[in-house]
């Protein structure tokens, strides 16, 4: 007796698309059918295009990212590597775009090139405090210790000497600064006095050295700044799709596969018009009915920085 397996969530969306253009549905195992082959070929592309076209609630994520060691060649002073799953950046420190007029209000413009965020925006991470809860994904900063020859230093520690900060790359007993840089024990010095760390595990903080040893934090660079971003990520789990998102992906997929399946070019135009004039406006109308969202990163920390004091820690 043949065992019939259930269709995947993706294949159910394929069948929604095929139904929109009057094509036969796919069933499990029929990989040789042209309906199966074309839907399989174009589904991922259609899904990502739909996700990028609208700020879907289920596909939003917010993170803190740290400044790269090297900046852009020109135009902006800082560069940040975006999360590998990002499809579209929605906001950076509450700024929604690259409008240069925003800078007059103290909001830095930004733009995306490939997988990099370019901007003049950036904040020093909150100051490290012992016996405090920090969350996975936060960043903290701590004043580097003064360099002393003949002292044992650990990986990810920061030391300072002569106005420069050095990150310790190899656990060692120190020689001179110059010799340790040459030996690869220290990263080349950066002007400043603090080092930055990423929190890897939600925990109550101990000393910097103990938390480094425990794997709770990891060094990310001397004088490294951070920004807060909200973005659309590549959501692939169909169990998290809203019905509107499923319908939109099916409609987009239908507009892509109709021509190779039926040679109907007019039908393709019709499907595109339905997607742009009916399907997506419906999704946007649902969002417009929601209350105005609060500022994305209106944390006590950011407010306290603007007032010259420190507040509580910032979550993801």
C-alpha atoms as a PDB file:
ATOM      1  CA  UNK A   1       0.000   0.000   0.000  1.00  0.00           C
ATOM      2  CA  UNK A   2       1.405   3.377  -1.015  1.00  0.00           C
ATOM      3  CA  UNK A   3       2.022   5.858   1.792  1.00  0.00           C
ATOM      4  CA  UNK A   4       0.775   9.344   0.875  1.00  0.00           C
ATOM      5  CA  UNK A   5       2.748  12.096   2.554  1.00  0.00           C
ATOM      6  CA  UNK A   6       1.353  15.523   3.343  1.00  0.00           C
ATOM      7  CA  UNK A   7       2.427  18.483   1.250  1.00  0.00           C
ATOM      8  CA  UNK A   8       4.864  20.959   2.749  1.00  0.00           C
ATOM      9  CA  UNK A   9       3.801  24.476   3.655  1.00  0.00           C
ATOM     10  CA  UNK A  10       5.617  25.778   0.593  1.00  0.00           C
ATOM     11  CA  UNK A  11       3.818  23.315  -1.682  1.00  0.00           C
ATOM     12  CA  UNK A  12       0.448  24.374  -0.305  1.00  0.00           C
ATOM     13  CA  UNK A  13       1.306  27.932  -1.366  1.00  0.00           C
ATOM     14  CA  UNK A  14       2.342  26.581  -4.783  1.00  0.00           C
ATOM     15  CA  UNK A  15      -1.139  25.115  -5.138  1.00  0.00           C
ATOM     16  CA  UNK A  16      -2.737  28.424  -4.186  1.00  0.00           C
ATOM     17  CA  UNK A  17      -0.732  30.025  -6.996  1.00  0.00           C
ATOM     18  CA  UNK A  18      -1.607  27.289  -9.478  1.00  0.00           C
ATOM     19  CA  UNK A  19      -5.282  27.620  -8.619  1.00  0.00           C
ATOM     20  CA  UNK A  20      -5.155  31.337  -9.424  1.00  0.00           C
ATOM     21  CA  UNK A  21      -4.122  30.569 -13.002  1.00  0.00           C
ATOM     22  CA  UNK A  22      -6.289  27.493 -13.544  1.00  0.00           C
ATOM     23  CA  UNK A  23      -3.471  24.939 -13.437  1.00  0.00           C
ATOM     24  CA  UNK A  24      -3.444  21.458 -11.928  1.00  0.00           C
ATOM     25  CA  UNK A  25      -2.268  21.252  -8.323  1.00  0.00           C
ATOM     26  CA  UNK A  26       0.904  19.410  -7.391  1.00  0.00           C
ATOM     27  CA  UNK A  27       0.809  16.344  -5.196  1.00  0.00           C
ATOM     28  CA  UNK A  28       3.578  14.779  -3.145  1.00  0.00           C
ATOM     29  CA  UNK A  29       6.242  13.056  -5.197  1.00  0.00           C
ATOM     30  CA  UNK A  30       5.207  14.381  -8.617  1.00  0.00           C
ATOM     31  CA  UNK A  31       8.506  16.136  -9.162  1.00  0.00           C
ATOM     32  CA  UNK A  32       8.473  15.461 -12.903  1.00  0.00           C
ATOM     33  CA  UNK A  33       5.417  17.655 -13.530  1.00  0.00           C
ATOM     34  CA  UNK A  34       6.070  21.059 -15.069  1.00  0.00           C
ATOM     35  CA  UNK A  35       3.836  22.661 -12.432  1.00  0.00           C
ATOM     36  CA  UNK A  36       6.098  21.237  -9.731  1.00  0.00           C
ATOM     37  CA  UNK A  37       9.323  22.203 -11.490  1.00  0.00           C
ATOM     38  CA  UNK A  38       8.363  25.832 -12.171  1.00  0.00           C
ATOM     39  CA  UNK A  39       6.927  26.427  -8.707  1.00  0.00           C
ATOM     40  CA  UNK A  40      10.012  24.884  -7.127  1.00  0.00           C
ATOM     41  CA  UNK A  41      12.257  27.059  -9.301  1.00  0.00           C
ATOM     42  CA  UNK A  42      10.563  30.394  -8.604  1.00  0.00           C
ATOM     43  CA  UNK A  43       9.102  30.044  -5.110  1.00  0.00           C
ATOM     44  CA  UNK A  44      12.090  31.324  -3.092  1.00  0.00           C
ATOM     45  CA  UNK A  45      12.517  34.310  -5.382  1.00  0.00           C
ATOM     46  CA  UNK A  46       8.812  35.175  -5.183  1.00  0.00           C
ATOM     47  CA  UNK A  47       8.753  34.824  -1.389  1.00  0.00           C
ATOM     48  CA  UNK A  48      11.743  37.143  -0.923  1.00  0.00           C
ATOM     49  CA  UNK A  49      10.345  39.760  -3.309  1.00  0.00           C
ATOM     50  CA  UNK A  50       7.077  39.806  -1.373  1.00  0.00           C
ATOM     51  CA  UNK A  51       8.838  40.022   1.987  1.00  0.00           C
ATOM     52  CA  UNK A  52      10.885  42.998   0.774  1.00  0.00           C
ATOM     53  CA  UNK A  53       7.841  44.773  -0.621  1.00  0.00           C
ATOM     54  CA  UNK A  54       6.129  45.372   2.737  1.00  0.00           C
ATOM     55  CA  UNK A  55       7.027  45.538   6.473  1.00  0.00           C
ATOM     56  CA  UNK A  56       5.280  42.283   7.363  1.00  0.00           C
ATOM     57  CA  UNK A  57       4.854  41.996  11.123  1.00  0.00           C
ATOM     58  CA  UNK A  58       5.894  38.347  11.192  1.00  0.00           C
ATOM     59  CA  UNK A  59       9.110  39.061   9.276  1.00  0.00           C
ATOM     60  CA  UNK A  60      10.405  41.966  11.380  1.00  0.00           C
ATOM     61  CA  UNK A  61      13.426  41.695  13.616  1.00  0.00           C
ATOM     62  CA  UNK A  62      15.459  44.194  15.598  1.00  0.00           C
ATOM     63  CA  UNK A  63      19.085  43.910  16.593  1.00  0.00           C
ATOM     64  CA  UNK A  64      22.099  45.933  17.649  1.00  0.00           C
ATOM     65  CA  UNK A  65      25.037  45.781  15.235  1.00  0.00           C
ATOM     66  CA  UNK A  66      28.609  46.885  15.741  1.00  0.00           C
ATOM     67  CA  UNK A  67      30.795  49.073  13.558  1.00  0.00           C
ATOM     68  CA  UNK A  68      33.244  47.395  11.169  1.00  0.00           C
ATOM     69  CA  UNK A  69      36.952  47.953  11.677  1.00  0.00           C
ATOM     70  CA  UNK A  70      37.180  49.681   8.274  1.00  0.00           C
ATOM     71  CA  UNK A  71      34.850  52.377   7.004  1.00  0.00           C
ATOM     72  CA  UNK A  72      33.557  53.214   3.519  1.00  0.00           C
ATOM     73  CA  UNK A  73      35.930  54.860   1.062  1.00  0.00           C
ATOM     74  CA  UNK A  74      33.944  58.105   1.057  1.00  0.00           C
ATOM     75  CA  UNK A  75      30.536  59.611   1.812  1.00  0.00           C
ATOM     76  CA  UNK A  76      30.020  58.184   5.301  1.00  0.00           C
ATOM     77  CA  UNK A  77      32.298  57.807   8.292  1.00  0.00           C
ATOM     78  CA  UNK A  78      31.126  54.374   9.488  1.00  0.00           C
ATOM     79  CA  UNK A  79      30.222  50.988   8.052  1.00  0.00           C
ATOM     80  CA  UNK A  80      28.283  48.136   9.655  1.00  0.00           C
ATOM     81  CA  UNK A  81      27.807  44.542   8.495  1.00  0.00           C
ATOM     82  CA  UNK A  82      24.118  43.657   8.306  1.00  0.00           C
ATOM     83  CA  UNK A  83      22.689  40.342   9.557  1.00  0.00           C
ATOM     84  CA  UNK A  84      23.090  37.561   7.004  1.00  0.00           C
ATOM     85  CA  UNK A  85      19.317  36.971   6.868  1.00  0.00           C
ATOM     86  CA  UNK A  86      18.351  40.584   6.155  1.00  0.00           C
ATOM     87  CA  UNK A  87      16.267  41.437   3.098  1.00  0.00           C
ATOM     88  CA  UNK A  88      15.415  45.069   3.781  1.00  0.00           C
ATOM     89  CA  UNK A  89      16.424  47.572   6.456  1.00  0.00           C
ATOM     90  CA  UNK A  90      13.427  49.462   7.844  1.00  0.00           C
ATOM     91  CA  UNK A  91      14.988  51.814  10.371  1.00  0.00           C
ATOM     92  CA  UNK A  92      18.327  52.780  11.885  1.00  0.00           C
ATOM     93  CA  UNK A  93      18.145  54.499  15.280  1.00  0.00           C
ATOM     94  CA  UNK A  94      14.548  55.493  14.406  1.00  0.00           C
ATOM     95  CA  UNK A  95      15.594  57.036  11.069  1.00  0.00           C
ATOM     96  CA  UNK A  96      13.505  55.741   8.168  1.00  0.00           C
ATOM     97  CA  UNK A  97      15.673  56.737   5.220  1.00  0.00           C
ATOM     98  CA  UNK A  98      18.513  58.632   3.611  1.00  0.00           C
ATOM     99  CA  UNK A  99      16.925  62.098   3.590  1.00  0.00           C
ATOM    100  CA  UNK A 100      19.810  64.466   4.335  1.00  0.00           C
ATOM    101  CA  UNK A 101      17.392  66.911   5.981  1.00  0.00           C
ATOM    102  CA  UNK A 102      17.133  64.510   8.894  1.00  0.00           C
ATOM    103  CA  UNK A 103      20.637  65.475  10.013  1.00  0.00           C
ATOM    104  CA  UNK A 104      19.358  68.951  10.887  1.00  0.00           C
ATOM    105  CA  UNK A 105      17.236  67.264  13.553  1.00  0.00           C
ATOM    106  CA  UNK A 106      20.129  65.168  14.816  1.00  0.00           C
ATOM    107  CA  UNK A 107      19.006  62.062  12.890  1.00  0.00           C
ATOM    108  CA  UNK A 108      21.773  60.581  10.789  1.00  0.00           C
ATOM    109  CA  UNK A 109      21.006  59.499   7.218  1.00  0.00           C
ATOM    110  CA  UNK A 110      21.984  56.029   6.086  1.00  0.00           C
ATOM    111  CA  UNK A 111      21.946  53.741   3.071  1.00  0.00           C
ATOM    112  CA  UNK A 112      22.620  50.109   2.253  1.00  0.00           C
ATOM    113  CA  UNK A 113      25.245  48.824  -0.170  1.00  0.00           C
ATOM    114  CA  UNK A 114      25.338  45.056  -0.610  1.00  0.00           C
ATOM    115  CA  UNK A 115      25.442  43.646   2.935  1.00  0.00           C
ATOM    116  CA  UNK A 116      26.758  46.866   4.494  1.00  0.00           C
ATOM    117  CA  UNK A 117      24.960  49.700   6.256  1.00  0.00           C
ATOM    118  CA  UNK A 118      26.680  53.038   5.638  1.00  0.00           C
ATOM    119  CA  UNK A 119      26.058  55.936   8.007  1.00  0.00           C
ATOM    120  CA  UNK A 120      27.602  58.563  10.253  1.00  0.00           C
ATOM    121  CA  UNK A 121      25.380  57.238  13.046  1.00  0.00           C
ATOM    122  CA  UNK A 122      26.923  55.391  15.955  1.00  0.00           C
ATOM    123  CA  UNK A 123      26.944  55.315  19.736  1.00  0.00           C
ATOM    124  CA  UNK A 124      29.468  54.060  22.261  1.00  0.00           C
ATOM    125  CA  UNK A 125      27.930  50.984  23.936  1.00  0.00           C
ATOM    126  CA  UNK A 126      26.690  51.305  27.498  1.00  0.00           C
ATOM    127  CA  UNK A 127      29.336  51.146  30.210  1.00  0.00           C
ATOM    128  CA  UNK A 128      29.983  47.738  31.758  1.00  0.00           C
ATOM    129  CA  UNK A 129      28.783  47.316  35.346  1.00  0.00           C
ATOM    130  CA  UNK A 130      29.355  44.315  37.593  1.00  0.00           C
ATOM    131  CA  UNK A 131      26.352  42.436  39.069  1.00  0.00           C
ATOM    132  CA  UNK A 132      23.891  43.537  36.417  1.00  0.00           C
ATOM    133  CA  UNK A 133      21.791  41.571  33.958  1.00  0.00           C
ATOM    134  CA  UNK A 134      22.869  41.818  30.336  1.00  0.00           C
ATOM    135  CA  UNK A 135      20.963  40.235  27.470  1.00  0.00           C
ATOM    136  CA  UNK A 136      22.246  38.159  24.587  1.00  0.00           C
ATOM    137  CA  UNK A 137      22.773  40.569  21.686  1.00  0.00           C
ATOM    138  CA  UNK A 138      23.613  43.675  23.702  1.00  0.00           C
ATOM    139  CA  UNK A 139      26.946  45.472  23.529  1.00  0.00           C
ATOM    140  CA  UNK A 140      28.922  47.012  26.376  1.00  0.00           C
ATOM    141  CA  UNK A 141      32.087  49.072  26.701  1.00  0.00           C
ATOM    142  CA  UNK A 142      34.806  49.158  29.328  1.00  0.00           C
ATOM    143  CA  UNK A 143      37.851  51.346  29.888  1.00  0.00           C
ATOM    144  CA  UNK A 144      41.022  49.560  28.841  1.00  0.00           C
ATOM    145  CA  UNK A 145      43.588  48.746  31.539  1.00  0.00           C
ATOM    146  CA  UNK A 146      46.987  50.401  31.479  1.00  0.00           C
ATOM    147  CA  UNK A 147      49.648  48.354  29.705  1.00  0.00           C
ATOM    148  CA  UNK A 148      52.417  46.958  31.927  1.00  0.00           C
ATOM    149  CA  UNK A 149      55.330  44.918  30.626  1.00  0.00           C
ATOM    150  CA  UNK A 150      55.709  41.455  32.175  1.00  0.00           C
ATOM    151  CA  UNK A 151      51.974  41.105  32.891  1.00  0.00           C
ATOM    152  CA  UNK A 152      49.698  38.200  31.920  1.00  0.00           C
ATOM    153  CA  UNK A 153      46.863  39.277  29.586  1.00  0.00           C
ATOM    154  CA  UNK A 154      43.983  37.173  28.263  1.00  0.00           C
ATOM    155  CA  UNK A 155      42.310  37.003  24.860  1.00  0.00           C
ATOM    156  CA  UNK A 156      39.638  39.722  24.367  1.00  0.00           C
ATOM    157  CA  UNK A 157      41.095  41.983  27.042  1.00  0.00           C
ATOM    158  CA  UNK A 158      41.850  45.606  26.121  1.00  0.00           C
ATOM    159  CA  UNK A 159      44.957  47.510  27.150  1.00  0.00           C
ATOM    160  CA  UNK A 160      45.952  51.127  26.583  1.00  0.00           C
ATOM    161  CA  UNK A 161      49.241  52.916  26.227  1.00  0.00           C
ATOM    162  CA  UNK A 162      50.137  56.371  24.946  1.00  0.00           C
ATOM    163  CA  UNK A 163      46.592  57.295  23.903  1.00  0.00           C
ATOM    164  CA  UNK A 164      46.062  54.057  21.946  1.00  0.00           C
ATOM    165  CA  UNK A 165      43.875  51.051  22.764  1.00  0.00           C
ATOM    166  CA  UNK A 166      44.977  47.527  21.862  1.00  0.00           C
ATOM    167  CA  UNK A 167      42.898  44.344  21.782  1.00  0.00           C
ATOM    168  CA  UNK A 168      44.641  41.252  23.131  1.00  0.00           C
ATOM    169  CA  UNK A 169      44.552  38.532  20.466  1.00  0.00           C
ATOM    170  CA  UNK A 170      46.631  35.845  22.202  1.00  0.00           C
ATOM    171  CA  UNK A 171      46.907  35.027  25.901  1.00  0.00           C
ATOM    172  CA  UNK A 172      50.496  35.885  26.825  1.00  0.00           C
ATOM    173  CA  UNK A 173      52.851  37.570  29.243  1.00  0.00           C
ATOM    174  CA  UNK A 174      53.551  40.991  27.817  1.00  0.00           C
ATOM    175  CA  UNK A 175      56.785  42.197  26.284  1.00  0.00           C
ATOM    176  CA  UNK A 176      56.936  45.720  24.859  1.00  0.00           C
ATOM    177  CA  UNK A 177      53.926  47.046  22.952  1.00  0.00           C
ATOM    178  CA  UNK A 178      55.877  47.080  19.689  1.00  0.00           C
ATOM    179  CA  UNK A 179      57.127  43.519  20.130  1.00  0.00           C
ATOM    180  CA  UNK A 180      53.680  42.191  21.035  1.00  0.00           C
ATOM    181  CA  UNK A 181      52.063  43.856  18.015  1.00  0.00           C
ATOM    182  CA  UNK A 182      54.775  42.388  15.781  1.00  0.00           C
ATOM    183  CA  UNK A 183      54.305  38.946  17.362  1.00  0.00           C
ATOM    184  CA  UNK A 184      50.551  39.070  16.736  1.00  0.00           C
ATOM    185  CA  UNK A 185      49.696  39.135  20.430  1.00  0.00           C
ATOM    186  CA  UNK A 186      48.021  42.543  20.124  1.00  0.00           C
ATOM    187  CA  UNK A 187      45.904  44.158  17.455  1.00  0.00           C
ATOM    188  CA  UNK A 188      47.251  47.403  16.015  1.00  0.00           C
ATOM    189  CA  UNK A 189      46.395  50.271  18.343  1.00  0.00           C
ATOM    190  CA  UNK A 190      43.374  52.542  17.849  1.00  0.00           C
ATOM    191  CA  UNK A 191      43.111  56.081  19.176  1.00  0.00           C
ATOM    192  CA  UNK A 192      40.929  56.095  22.284  1.00  0.00           C
ATOM    193  CA  UNK A 193      40.525  54.596  25.732  1.00  0.00           C
ATOM    194  CA  UNK A 194      37.732  51.968  25.675  1.00  0.00           C
ATOM    195  CA  UNK A 195      37.027  48.560  24.199  1.00  0.00           C
ATOM    196  CA  UNK A 196      33.670  47.116  23.168  1.00  0.00           C
ATOM    197  CA  UNK A 197      32.192  43.671  23.830  1.00  0.00           C
ATOM    198  CA  UNK A 198      29.212  41.721  22.530  1.00  0.00           C
ATOM    199  CA  UNK A 199      27.107  39.919  25.121  1.00  0.00           C
ATOM    200  CA  UNK A 200      26.838  36.289  23.988  1.00  0.00           C
ATOM    201  CA  UNK A 201      24.778  34.867  26.858  1.00  0.00           C
ATOM    202  CA  UNK A 202      22.067  36.459  28.989  1.00  0.00           C
ATOM    203  CA  UNK A 203      23.615  36.584  32.459  1.00  0.00           C
ATOM    204  CA  UNK A 204      24.311  38.556  35.621  1.00  0.00           C
ATOM    205  CA  UNK A 205      27.695  40.151  35.096  1.00  0.00           C
ATOM    206  CA  UNK A 206      30.805  39.314  37.068  1.00  0.00           C
ATOM    207  CA  UNK A 207      34.123  41.013  36.379  1.00  0.00           C
ATOM    208  CA  UNK A 208      35.161  41.571  32.770  1.00  0.00           C
ATOM    209  CA  UNK A 209      37.892  38.930  33.013  1.00  0.00           C
ATOM    210  CA  UNK A 210      35.591  36.329  34.570  1.00  0.00           C
ATOM    211  CA  UNK A 211      32.890  36.914  31.966  1.00  0.00           C
ATOM    212  CA  UNK A 212      35.450  36.634  29.172  1.00  0.00           C
ATOM    213  CA  UNK A 213      36.660  33.343  30.654  1.00  0.00           C
ATOM    214  CA  UNK A 214      33.066  32.086  30.979  1.00  0.00           C
ATOM    215  CA  UNK A 215      32.284  32.884  27.344  1.00  0.00           C
ATOM    216  CA  UNK A 216      29.595  35.389  28.330  1.00  0.00           C
ATOM    217  CA  UNK A 217      31.139  38.251  26.346  1.00  0.00           C
ATOM    218  CA  UNK A 218      33.487  38.601  23.388  1.00  0.00           C
ATOM    219  CA  UNK A 219      35.612  41.525  22.200  1.00  0.00           C
ATOM    220  CA  UNK A 220      34.404  43.260  19.024  1.00  0.00           C
ATOM    221  CA  UNK A 221      36.866  46.115  18.669  1.00  0.00           C
ATOM    222  CA  UNK A 222      38.505  49.136  20.210  1.00  0.00           C
ATOM    223  CA  UNK A 223      36.354  52.280  20.222  1.00  0.00           C
ATOM    224  CA  UNK A 224      33.667  50.402  18.243  1.00  0.00           C
ATOM    225  CA  UNK A 225      30.275  52.102  17.906  1.00  0.00           C
ATOM    226  CA  UNK A 226      26.860  50.484  17.597  1.00  0.00           C
ATOM    227  CA  UNK A 227      23.536  51.230  15.912  1.00  0.00           C
ATOM    228  CA  UNK A 228      20.041  49.863  16.495  1.00  0.00           C
ATOM    229  CA  UNK A 229      18.244  48.537  13.425  1.00  0.00           C
ATOM    230  CA  UNK A 230      14.873  47.070  12.536  1.00  0.00           C
ATOM    231  CA  UNK A 231      14.802  44.967   9.401  1.00  0.00           C
ATOM    232  CA  UNK A 232      12.871  42.423   7.375  1.00  0.00           C
ATOM    233  CA  UNK A 233      14.513  39.018   7.553  1.00  0.00           C
ATOM    234  CA  UNK A 234      14.244  36.027   5.241  1.00  0.00           C
ATOM    235  CA  UNK A 235      11.324  34.254   6.893  1.00  0.00           C
ATOM    236  CA  UNK A 236      11.093  30.688   5.570  1.00  0.00           C
ATOM    237  CA  UNK A 237       8.944  28.991   8.228  1.00  0.00           C
ATOM    238  CA  UNK A 238       5.491  28.902   6.637  1.00  0.00           C
ATOM    239  CA  UNK A 239       3.836  28.174   9.990  1.00  0.00           C
ATOM    240  CA  UNK A 240       4.625  31.798  10.896  1.00  0.00           C
ATOM    241  CA  UNK A 241       3.070  33.231   7.726  1.00  0.00           C
ATOM    242  CA  UNK A 242      -0.132  35.222   8.103  1.00  0.00           C
ATOM    243  CA  UNK A 243      -2.916  34.455   5.645  1.00  0.00           C
ATOM    244  CA  UNK A 244      -2.244  37.772   3.917  1.00  0.00           C
ATOM    245  CA  UNK A 245       1.416  36.869   3.452  1.00  0.00           C
ATOM    246  CA  UNK A 246       0.509  33.445   2.043  1.00  0.00           C
ATOM    247  CA  UNK A 247      -1.932  35.057  -0.379  1.00  0.00           C
ATOM    248  CA  UNK A 248       0.631  37.648  -1.465  1.00  0.00           C
ATOM    249  CA  UNK A 249       3.339  35.047  -2.121  1.00  0.00           C
ATOM    250  CA  UNK A 250       0.866  32.878  -4.032  1.00  0.00           C
ATOM    251  CA  UNK A 251      -0.202  35.852  -6.144  1.00  0.00           C
ATOM    252  CA  UNK A 252       3.402  36.825  -6.889  1.00  0.00           C
ATOM    253  CA  UNK A 253       4.302  33.221  -7.741  1.00  0.00           C
ATOM    254  CA  UNK A 254       1.264  32.970 -10.023  1.00  0.00           C
ATOM    255  CA  UNK A 255       2.429  36.049 -11.945  1.00  0.00           C
ATOM    256  CA  UNK A 256       5.846  34.436 -12.447  1.00  0.00           C
ATOM    257  CA  UNK A 257       4.864  30.894 -13.478  1.00  0.00           C
ATOM    258  CA  UNK A 258       1.831  31.649 -15.633  1.00  0.00           C
ATOM    259  CA  UNK A 259       3.809  32.430 -18.791  1.00  0.00           C
ATOM    260  CA  UNK A 260       6.171  29.417 -18.751  1.00  0.00           C
ATOM    261  CA  UNK A 261       3.220  27.153 -17.914  1.00  0.00           C
ATOM    262  CA  UNK A 262       0.583  28.548 -20.291  1.00  0.00           C
ATOM    263  CA  UNK A 263       2.311  31.032 -22.650  1.00  0.00           C
ATOM    264  CA  UNK A 264      -0.343  33.530 -21.527  1.00  0.00           C
ATOM    265  CA  UNK A 265       1.420  36.911 -21.514  1.00  0.00           C
ATOM    266  CA  UNK A 266      -1.807  38.849 -20.969  1.00  0.00           C
ATOM    267  CA  UNK A 267      -2.577  36.654 -17.988  1.00  0.00           C
ATOM    268  CA  UNK A 268       0.812  37.566 -16.538  1.00  0.00           C
ATOM    269  CA  UNK A 269      -0.053  41.262 -16.748  1.00  0.00           C
ATOM    270  CA  UNK A 270      -3.410  40.573 -15.107  1.00  0.00           C
ATOM    271  CA  UNK A 271      -1.750  38.694 -12.237  1.00  0.00           C
ATOM    272  CA  UNK A 272       0.782  41.498 -11.721  1.00  0.00           C
ATOM    273  CA  UNK A 273      -2.024  44.057 -11.607  1.00  0.00           C
ATOM    274  CA  UNK A 274      -3.937  41.991  -9.059  1.00  0.00           C
ATOM    275  CA  UNK A 275      -0.809  41.727  -6.910  1.00  0.00           C
ATOM    276  CA  UNK A 276      -0.024  45.445  -7.051  1.00  0.00           C
ATOM    277  CA  UNK A 277      -3.551  46.883  -6.961  1.00  0.00           C
ATOM    278  CA  UNK A 278      -5.455  44.429  -4.768  1.00  0.00           C
ATOM    279  CA  UNK A 279      -3.257  42.014  -2.811  1.00  0.00           C
ATOM    280  CA  UNK A 280      -0.616  44.415  -1.476  1.00  0.00           C
ATOM    281  CA  UNK A 281      -3.030  47.298  -0.723  1.00  0.00           C
ATOM    282  CA  UNK A 282      -5.052  44.827   1.348  1.00  0.00           C
ATOM    283  CA  UNK A 283      -1.967  43.970   3.417  1.00  0.00           C
ATOM    284  CA  UNK A 284      -1.120  47.653   3.865  1.00  0.00           C
ATOM    285  CA  UNK A 285      -4.657  48.467   4.977  1.00  0.00           C
ATOM    286  CA  UNK A 286      -4.367  45.910   7.778  1.00  0.00           C
ATOM    287  CA  UNK A 287      -1.201  47.583   9.048  1.00  0.00           C
ATOM    288  CA  UNK A 288      -2.699  51.063   8.758  1.00  0.00           C
ATOM    289  CA  UNK A 289      -5.479  49.974  11.122  1.00  0.00           C
ATOM    290  CA  UNK A 290      -2.931  49.314  13.860  1.00  0.00           C
ATOM    291  CA  UNK A 291      -2.020  51.962  16.387  1.00  0.00           C
ATOM    292  CA  UNK A 292       0.963  54.181  15.644  1.00  0.00           C
ATOM    293  CA  UNK A 293       3.994  52.213  16.830  1.00  0.00           C
ATOM    294  CA  UNK A 294       6.210  53.482  19.592  1.00  0.00           C
ATOM    295  CA  UNK A 295       9.729  54.619  18.641  1.00  0.00           C
ATOM    296  CA  UNK A 296      11.765  51.514  17.928  1.00  0.00           C
ATOM    297  CA  UNK A 297      14.646  52.172  20.269  1.00  0.00           C
ATOM    298  CA  UNK A 298      13.299  54.644  22.815  1.00  0.00           C
ATOM    299  CA  UNK A 299      15.253  53.030  25.622  1.00  0.00           C
ATOM    300  CA  UNK A 300      16.220  54.494  28.962  1.00  0.00           C
ATOM    301  CA  UNK A 301      19.827  54.116  27.891  1.00  0.00           C
ATOM    302  CA  UNK A 302      19.431  56.286  24.786  1.00  0.00           C
ATOM    303  CA  UNK A 303      17.362  58.854  26.677  1.00  0.00           C
ATOM    304  CA  UNK A 304      19.907  58.996  29.479  1.00  0.00           C
ATOM    305  CA  UNK A 305      22.773  59.425  27.026  1.00  0.00           C
ATOM    306  CA  UNK A 306      21.082  62.478  25.515  1.00  0.00           C
ATOM    307  CA  UNK A 307      20.655  63.854  29.050  1.00  0.00           C
ATOM    308  CA  UNK A 308      24.210  63.090  30.123  1.00  0.00           C
ATOM    309  CA  UNK A 309      23.415  60.247  32.542  1.00  0.00           C
ATOM    310  CA  UNK A 310      23.282  56.475  32.340  1.00  0.00           C
ATOM    311  CA  UNK A 311      20.133  54.388  32.544  1.00  0.00           C
ATOM    312  CA  UNK A 312      19.400  50.678  32.616  1.00  0.00           C
ATOM    313  CA  UNK A 313      20.578  48.177  30.043  1.00  0.00           C
ATOM    314  CA  UNK A 314      19.171  47.966  26.524  1.00  0.00           C
ATOM    315  CA  UNK A 315      17.477  44.784  25.314  1.00  0.00           C
ATOM    316  CA  UNK A 316      17.373  43.395  21.831  1.00  0.00           C
END
